Each structure stands twice: as structure tokens, then as C-alpha cells.
Amino acid sequence: MKKFYAFAAAALVAVSANAQALYMTGASAAAEEGGLPAQWDPANPAEFAIVDNNFELEVAGLSSFKISTVKGTYDAETGAAVWDEFNGNALTCVYPEDQGVAVDLEAGDANIMCPWTGDWKVVVTGDYATITMTTTTPPPAGITLYLRGDMNGWDNIEGWEFEQVSDNVFKFVFGEDQAIALGETFKIADDSWAKYNFGAGEDAEVFLEVETEIFNGSNTNMTLEEACNGVCWFTLDGNYVAFSNDADYVPDFAENVGVNTVAVSNGEAQYFNLQGVRVANPENGIYVVVKDGKATKAVVK
């Protein structure tokens, strides 16, 4: 038994000695602006600093990322990045809507989505157990989602964005020269494919005037049963989408929603403390005020 315990202790020391590193790659601002050294490159990631036995890294314009205890490599012949080692030692979680929350990490290579795009400080405990994210970047005023697919080069093109008609419901009315043709594939996503990236489940086909569940982070593109140039509705409450060639069509999930009911669209100010947490009744302090899509600092007395 003594030999067994001695061997186990030696193994633990060896693992600890080899595990004191953490790396990140993902989507951020450019390196010269304080972002990651490269976008989605496991062989050229940013390395966390060790501060008070924790891992810390500050990244500008961060929207989504992966972390791993091991760097990736480059293929000697092609020069392409190889993800196997990075993904095989990666850690992941589903981070909540609010910042400053310690969330348990688990083995896995799924992307970690920031609550919103901003200048984030990411702290992972020295035992890789939890991750905490904080930022001074205020949350955006509303959510901007796009129809992105074959019909527009998969870009976040102006004119293909949804109208946010409530906190959870979005509407897109096709313009005169806009349509999704039969056979074209598409998704619903934000401007950086980060926090919101909705695709299909096992069945990629979406039937018109049928409320269809779609999934955030899905790698499966959607198609339509027939061409559509009418209207598309989407809700984050259950993640349902519905298309119709009748521009007056309203699905069940949107029947009781009034257009332009989002608080930020009617000029109402929202207040956030300097940690980015929304404050319903601000008093006696400095706050970030978001109004009409613009953020400013204000002193409330």
C-alpha cells in the first residue's frame, strides 16, 4: 500500500507540474487593439498569466472563445492549424447572461460565449474548476440578429437584420429584391457568430407557417420547403422560427406582442453600474446610461 500511495502522489505532482498553463483562442478585436494574437488559431493562442494562483487574461473585443491547457500545432506539410491537441485538453461551460458569476468548467471543446461583445477579463481558478468573466463594457442596447446564408453571402449585411419587437420576439420582412430561394441554406445569427448562432436540429428543412424549434450553436444550416419572400418571425423564448409568404402572417408566439415595445427603442434610458450590472433604480453613484443605442457615463445623486 505504501508503494501505491507513493506512486499516486508522484503522479499527482507530475500532473500538477505539467498543468500550470492555460491558453485561449477565439473571436476578438485585432491583436494591435488588445485582442487575441490570432483569431481561432490553436497554435498561436494567448497565454493566461498566473496571478494569485489563478489564471487571468484580459482581451479587448472578445465575443466567443475556447480555452485549453495545451497549445495546438501546425501541420508540417500544409501549415494549417491542427486542433486535435487543443480540443482534446479543452475546458468549456455555458456562461450566463450576467457577468461576474463563477461558473463550473468541464472537459469539452464547445465554444464559450461571452454575455456580450466587450473588453473582458477572464479568470480561471488554478485548479481549472471555475471561470469568472467581468467587463466594463456595458451590454448592448437590444439584440441585433441577421438572416445570414447563401442568399447574401453569409454576411451580416445591412437590410437583412431583424426588427426586435419585444424582449424575445424578432421580425424580418423581406424587401422587394430579397428572398430565400429553394435549396439555399441559412442561419439566424448575430454580427460575429458569437452569442447567437441558430441552426437546425436533425431535420434541416423548415416548413412555411410552422413554428419550428432551432438551436443555438447548431452546425446544421436550415433550408425552406419552398422559396420565401414574405416574413420571418423568431423568438428567443423557446427558440422558434416561423416563415410565411404572407407578409401579414403572425405565429402564435408573436400574437400578443406589440411592435416597437422594446424599452430602448422608445428612448427610455437603462442604467448599469461600472461592473455592467443593470440597475433598476439608480441612486448616489456613477452609472453607464444606455439610451437610443448610445452609452454615456453619468453621476446620479
Protein backbone atom coordinates (compact mmCIF):
# COMPACT_ATOMS: atom_id res chain seq x y z
CA MET A 1 0.00 0.00 0.00
CA LYS A 2 2.84 2.39 0.79
CA LYS A 3 4.24 1.93 -2.72
CA PHE A 4 0.80 2.60 -4.21
CA TYR A 5 0.37 5.84 -2.28
CA ALA A 6 3.90 6.91 -3.18
CA PHE A 7 3.19 6.27 -6.87
CA ALA A 8 -0.13 8.14 -6.74
CA ALA A 9 1.48 11.10 -5.01
CA ALA A 10 4.27 11.18 -7.59
CA ALA A 11 1.73 11.06 -10.41
CA LEU A 12 -0.25 13.93 -8.88
CA VAL A 13 2.90 16.04 -8.59
CA ALA A 14 3.74 15.30 -12.23
CA VAL A 15 0.26 16.29 -13.43
CA SER A 16 0.34 19.50 -11.37
CA ALA A 17 3.75 20.40 -12.71
CA ASN A 18 2.65 19.93 -16.32
CA ALA A 19 -0.74 21.58 -15.97
CA GLN A 20 0.29 25.11 -14.97
CA ALA A 21 -0.68 26.70 -18.25
CA LEU A 22 -3.87 27.87 -19.92
CA TYR A 23 -4.41 29.18 -23.44
CA MET A 24 -7.20 31.00 -25.30
CA THR A 25 -8.14 31.46 -28.93
CA GLY A 26 -11.35 32.83 -30.40
CA ALA A 27 -13.03 35.94 -31.81
CA SER A 28 -11.87 39.34 -30.55
CA ALA A 29 -10.56 42.72 -31.56
CA ALA A 30 -7.34 42.80 -33.57
CA ALA A 31 -4.12 41.99 -31.73
CA GLU A 32 -2.88 45.58 -32.03
CA GLU A 33 -6.10 46.74 -30.34
CA GLY A 34 -5.69 44.46 -27.35
CA GLY A 35 -7.32 41.38 -28.81
CA LEU A 36 -6.03 37.85 -29.22
CA PRO A 37 -2.82 37.30 -31.22
CA ALA A 38 -4.82 35.45 -33.87
CA GLN A 39 -8.46 34.59 -34.49
CA TRP A 40 -9.34 30.92 -33.92
CA ASP A 41 -5.75 29.70 -34.19
CA PRO A 42 -5.00 26.95 -31.63
CA ALA A 43 -1.30 27.00 -32.47
CA ASN A 44 -0.99 30.74 -31.79
CA PRO A 45 -3.20 31.35 -28.74
CA ALA A 46 -2.93 33.90 -25.96
CA GLU A 47 -1.46 32.53 -22.73
CA PHE A 48 -3.06 33.33 -19.39
CA ALA A 49 -0.95 34.99 -16.70
CA ILE A 50 -0.80 33.32 -13.27
CA VAL A 51 -1.97 35.79 -10.62
CA ASP A 52 -2.56 34.73 -7.00
CA ASN A 53 -2.68 31.08 -8.08
CA ASN A 54 -5.38 31.82 -10.65
CA PHE A 55 -5.18 32.21 -14.44
CA GLU A 56 -6.04 35.70 -15.71
CA LEU A 57 -6.33 37.18 -19.19
CA GLU A 58 -7.80 40.47 -20.44
CA VAL A 59 -8.94 40.61 -24.07
CA ALA A 60 -10.44 43.53 -25.99
CA GLY A 61 -13.50 42.99 -28.15
CA LEU A 62 -13.95 39.39 -27.04
CA SER A 63 -17.15 37.66 -28.17
CA SER A 64 -16.51 33.91 -28.07
CA PHE A 65 -13.52 31.70 -27.33
CA LYS A 66 -12.02 28.34 -26.42
CA ILE A 67 -9.58 27.60 -23.61
CA SER A 68 -7.21 24.66 -23.25
CA THR A 69 -4.28 23.53 -21.12
CA VAL A 70 -2.36 22.58 -24.27
CA LYS A 71 -1.49 24.54 -27.42
CA GLY A 72 -2.36 23.28 -30.87
CA THR A 73 0.18 22.70 -33.63
CA TYR A 74 0.69 23.44 -37.31
CA ASP A 75 0.74 20.71 -39.93
CA ALA A 76 4.32 20.40 -41.18
CA GLU A 77 3.25 19.92 -44.81
CA THR A 78 0.28 22.23 -45.23
CA GLY A 79 0.94 24.80 -42.50
CA ALA A 80 -2.70 24.52 -41.41
CA ALA A 81 -3.55 24.70 -37.71
CA VAL A 82 -4.22 21.34 -36.08
CA TRP A 83 -6.91 21.41 -33.37
CA ASP A 84 -6.61 17.84 -32.02
CA GLU A 85 -4.38 18.52 -29.01
CA PHE A 86 -6.02 21.85 -28.18
CA ASN A 87 -9.55 20.40 -28.32
CA GLY A 88 -8.51 17.23 -26.53
CA ASN A 89 -7.45 19.27 -23.50
CA ALA A 90 -10.11 21.99 -23.73
CA LEU A 91 -12.48 23.17 -21.00
CA THR A 92 -15.92 24.64 -21.55
CA CYS A 93 -19.11 25.92 -19.93
CA VAL A 94 -22.34 27.74 -20.72
CA TYR A 95 -21.81 31.22 -19.31
CA PRO A 96 -24.97 33.04 -18.10
CA GLU A 97 -26.35 36.39 -19.24
CA ASP A 98 -24.83 38.26 -16.27
CA GLN A 99 -21.16 38.92 -15.71
CA GLY A 100 -19.14 38.29 -12.55
CA VAL A 101 -20.57 34.81 -11.97
CA ALA A 102 -18.26 31.88 -11.14
CA VAL A 103 -19.30 29.01 -13.42
CA ASP A 104 -18.11 25.41 -13.25
CA LEU A 105 -15.85 24.25 -16.07
CA GLU A 106 -15.94 20.78 -17.60
CA ALA A 107 -13.95 18.91 -20.22
CA GLY A 108 -15.21 19.74 -23.71
CA ASP A 109 -14.38 21.73 -26.81
CA ALA A 110 -17.58 23.74 -27.26
CA ASN A 111 -17.10 27.49 -27.69
CA ILE A 112 -17.65 29.68 -24.63
CA MET A 113 -19.94 32.60 -25.47
CA CYS A 114 -19.43 35.96 -23.76
CA PRO A 115 -22.61 37.54 -22.36
CA TRP A 116 -21.95 40.30 -24.92
CA THR A 117 -19.02 41.51 -27.02
CA GLY A 118 -16.67 43.67 -24.95
CA ASP A 119 -13.34 44.06 -23.19
CA TRP A 120 -13.43 41.04 -20.90
CA LYS A 121 -11.26 39.92 -18.02
CA VAL A 122 -11.36 36.13 -17.80
CA VAL A 123 -10.26 34.43 -14.57
CA VAL A 124 -9.95 30.65 -14.20
CA THR A 125 -9.13 29.14 -10.83
CA GLY A 126 -5.77 27.41 -10.52
CA ASP A 127 -7.44 24.01 -10.33
CA TYR A 128 -9.40 24.70 -13.55
CA ALA A 129 -12.64 24.31 -11.61
CA THR A 130 -14.45 27.58 -12.39
CA ILE A 131 -14.38 30.55 -14.75
CA THR A 132 -15.44 34.13 -13.99
CA MET A 133 -15.83 36.90 -16.56
CA THR A 134 -16.09 40.64 -15.91
CA THR A 135 -16.12 43.73 -18.12
CA THR A 136 -16.57 47.49 -18.00
CA THR A 137 -18.18 47.38 -21.45
CA PRO A 138 -21.92 47.99 -20.98
CA PRO A 139 -24.34 45.49 -22.51
CA PRO A 140 -25.74 46.45 -25.89
CA ALA A 141 -29.00 48.30 -26.26
CA GLY A 142 -31.13 45.49 -27.62
CA ILE A 143 -30.12 42.48 -29.72
CA THR A 144 -29.26 42.59 -33.42
CA LEU A 145 -29.84 39.38 -35.35
CA TYR A 146 -29.50 38.72 -39.07
CA LEU A 147 -30.67 36.23 -41.62
CA ARG A 148 -27.32 35.00 -42.97
CA GLY A 149 -26.94 32.46 -45.76
CA ASP A 150 -26.44 31.66 -49.42
CA MET A 151 -28.80 34.49 -50.38
CA ASN A 152 -26.45 37.19 -49.02
CA GLY A 153 -23.01 35.58 -48.90
CA TRP A 154 -23.42 34.62 -45.24
CA ASP A 155 -22.66 38.21 -44.25
CA ASN A 156 -24.21 40.50 -41.63
CA ILE A 157 -25.47 42.83 -44.33
CA GLU A 158 -27.49 45.93 -43.55
CA GLY A 159 -31.04 45.30 -44.65
CA TRP A 160 -31.00 41.65 -43.52
CA GLU A 161 -31.33 42.41 -39.81
CA PHE A 162 -34.42 41.57 -37.77
CA GLU A 163 -36.57 44.18 -36.07
CA GLN A 164 -36.68 43.47 -32.34
CA VAL A 165 -40.34 43.90 -31.46
CA SER A 166 -40.10 42.79 -27.83
CA ASP A 167 -37.51 41.44 -25.43
CA ASN A 168 -37.71 37.99 -27.06
CA VAL A 169 -39.51 38.35 -30.39
CA PHE A 170 -37.94 39.41 -33.69
CA LYS A 171 -39.46 40.06 -37.11
CA PHE A 172 -37.94 40.27 -40.60
CA VAL A 173 -39.98 41.43 -43.58
CA PHE A 174 -38.37 40.61 -46.92
CA GLY A 175 -37.73 43.61 -49.16
CA GLU A 176 -38.64 43.86 -52.83
CA ASP A 177 -35.41 42.21 -54.02
CA GLN A 178 -34.94 39.86 -51.06
CA ALA A 179 -35.83 36.18 -50.85
CA ILE A 180 -34.58 32.80 -49.74
CA ALA A 181 -34.71 30.52 -52.76
CA LEU A 182 -35.48 26.83 -52.69
CA GLY A 183 -32.30 24.95 -51.78
CA GLU A 184 -30.49 27.93 -50.29
CA THR A 185 -29.12 27.34 -46.80
CA PHE A 186 -29.11 29.89 -44.00
CA LYS A 187 -28.94 30.53 -40.25
CA ILE A 188 -30.02 33.23 -37.79
CA ALA A 189 -27.01 34.81 -36.07
CA ASP A 190 -25.54 37.96 -34.60
CA ASP A 191 -22.88 40.03 -36.35
CA SER A 192 -19.92 37.94 -35.12
CA TRP A 193 -21.36 34.40 -35.00
CA ALA A 194 -20.73 34.58 -31.26
CA LYS A 195 -23.51 34.68 -28.69
CA TYR A 196 -26.29 33.86 -31.17
CA ASN A 197 -25.79 31.31 -33.96
CA PHE A 198 -29.03 29.41 -34.59
CA GLY A 199 -29.24 26.42 -36.89
CA ALA A 200 -31.46 23.41 -37.41
CA GLY A 201 -31.85 20.22 -35.42
CA GLU A 202 -31.77 16.78 -37.01
CA ASP A 203 -34.19 17.91 -39.74
CA ALA A 204 -32.76 20.91 -41.60
CA GLU A 205 -35.95 21.68 -43.55
CA VAL A 206 -38.29 24.39 -42.23
CA PHE A 207 -41.91 24.32 -43.36
CA LEU A 208 -43.73 27.57 -44.01
CA GLU A 209 -46.25 28.72 -41.39
CA VAL A 210 -45.00 26.07 -38.96
CA GLU A 211 -43.34 27.09 -35.70
CA THR A 212 -40.02 25.23 -35.83
CA GLU A 213 -37.56 24.88 -32.96
CA ILE A 214 -33.98 25.81 -33.82
CA PHE A 215 -30.85 25.54 -31.72
CA ASN A 216 -28.14 27.98 -30.67
CA GLY A 217 -24.68 26.68 -31.61
CA SER A 218 -26.03 24.16 -34.12
CA ASN A 219 -23.70 23.34 -37.03
CA THR A 220 -26.65 22.41 -39.26
CA ASN A 221 -27.84 25.04 -41.73
CA MET A 222 -31.55 25.48 -42.42
CA THR A 223 -33.39 25.21 -45.72
CA LEU A 224 -37.01 26.02 -46.63
CA GLU A 225 -39.62 23.69 -48.12
CA GLU A 226 -40.23 26.36 -50.77
CA ALA A 227 -38.91 29.80 -51.68
CA CYS A 228 -39.93 32.62 -49.35
CA ASN A 229 -40.06 36.40 -49.77
CA GLY A 230 -42.68 37.27 -47.20
CA VAL A 231 -41.88 37.40 -43.48
CA CYS A 232 -39.80 35.58 -40.88
CA TRP A 233 -40.51 35.60 -37.13
CA PHE A 234 -38.17 34.36 -34.41
CA THR A 235 -38.40 34.14 -30.63
CA LEU A 236 -35.71 33.55 -28.03
CA ASP A 237 -38.43 32.21 -25.73
CA GLY A 238 -38.12 28.56 -26.74
CA ASN A 239 -36.08 29.41 -29.85
CA TYR A 240 -38.78 29.06 -32.50
CA VAL A 241 -38.74 30.36 -36.07
CA ALA A 242 -41.65 30.72 -38.49
CA PHE A 243 -41.69 31.76 -42.18
CA SER A 244 -44.54 32.71 -44.47
CA ASN A 245 -45.03 34.16 -47.95
CA ASP A 246 -47.94 36.13 -46.46
CA ALA A 247 -46.39 39.32 -45.07
CA ASP A 248 -49.35 39.64 -42.66
CA TYR A 249 -48.75 36.22 -41.10
CA VAL A 250 -48.23 36.23 -37.31
CA PRO A 251 -47.29 32.98 -35.50
CA ASP A 252 -48.80 32.05 -32.14
CA PHE A 253 -45.70 33.10 -30.21
CA ALA A 254 -45.97 36.67 -31.53
CA GLU A 255 -49.74 37.24 -31.41
CA ASN A 256 -49.71 39.27 -28.20
CA VAL A 257 -46.55 41.23 -28.97
CA GLY A 258 -46.85 44.90 -29.84
CA VAL A 259 -44.43 46.27 -32.41
CA ASN A 260 -41.74 48.60 -31.05
CA THR A 261 -42.24 47.63 -27.42
CA VAL A 262 -38.54 47.29 -26.66
CA ALA A 263 -37.61 49.81 -23.97
CA VAL A 264 -34.50 51.04 -25.72
CA SER A 265 -36.40 51.74 -28.95
CA ASN A 266 -38.70 54.32 -27.38
CA GLY A 267 -35.94 56.44 -25.86
CA GLU A 268 -36.14 55.07 -22.31
CA ALA A 269 -32.75 55.10 -20.57
CA GLN A 270 -31.25 51.99 -18.97
CA TYR A 271 -28.72 52.27 -16.14
CA PHE A 272 -25.78 49.96 -15.43
CA ASN A 273 -23.19 50.11 -12.67
CA LEU A 274 -19.49 50.14 -13.59
CA GLN A 275 -19.45 46.35 -13.42
CA GLY A 276 -22.04 46.18 -16.20
CA VAL A 277 -24.94 45.05 -13.98
CA ARG A 278 -28.30 46.67 -14.80
CA VAL A 279 -29.72 48.87 -12.00
CA ALA A 280 -33.47 49.45 -11.95
CA ASN A 281 -33.44 52.42 -9.53
CA PRO A 282 -30.01 54.09 -9.62
CA GLU A 283 -29.03 56.43 -6.82
CA ASN A 284 -25.89 58.13 -5.47
CA GLY A 285 -23.18 56.92 -7.81
CA ILE A 286 -21.62 56.80 -11.25
CA TYR A 287 -23.52 54.80 -13.86
CA VAL A 288 -23.34 53.90 -17.53
CA VAL A 289 -26.51 55.18 -19.21
CA VAL A 290 -27.64 53.42 -22.39
CA LYS A 291 -30.20 55.33 -24.46
CA ASP A 292 -31.05 55.22 -28.16
CA GLY A 293 -28.16 52.84 -28.75
CA LYS A 294 -25.55 55.11 -27.15
CA ALA A 295 -23.70 54.63 -23.85
CA THR A 296 -22.53 57.51 -21.64
CA LYS A 297 -21.37 57.88 -18.04
CA ALA A 298 -23.48 59.90 -15.63
CA VAL A 299 -23.43 60.83 -11.94
CA VAL A 300 -26.70 60.15 -10.14
CA LYS A 301 -27.31 61.95 -6.84
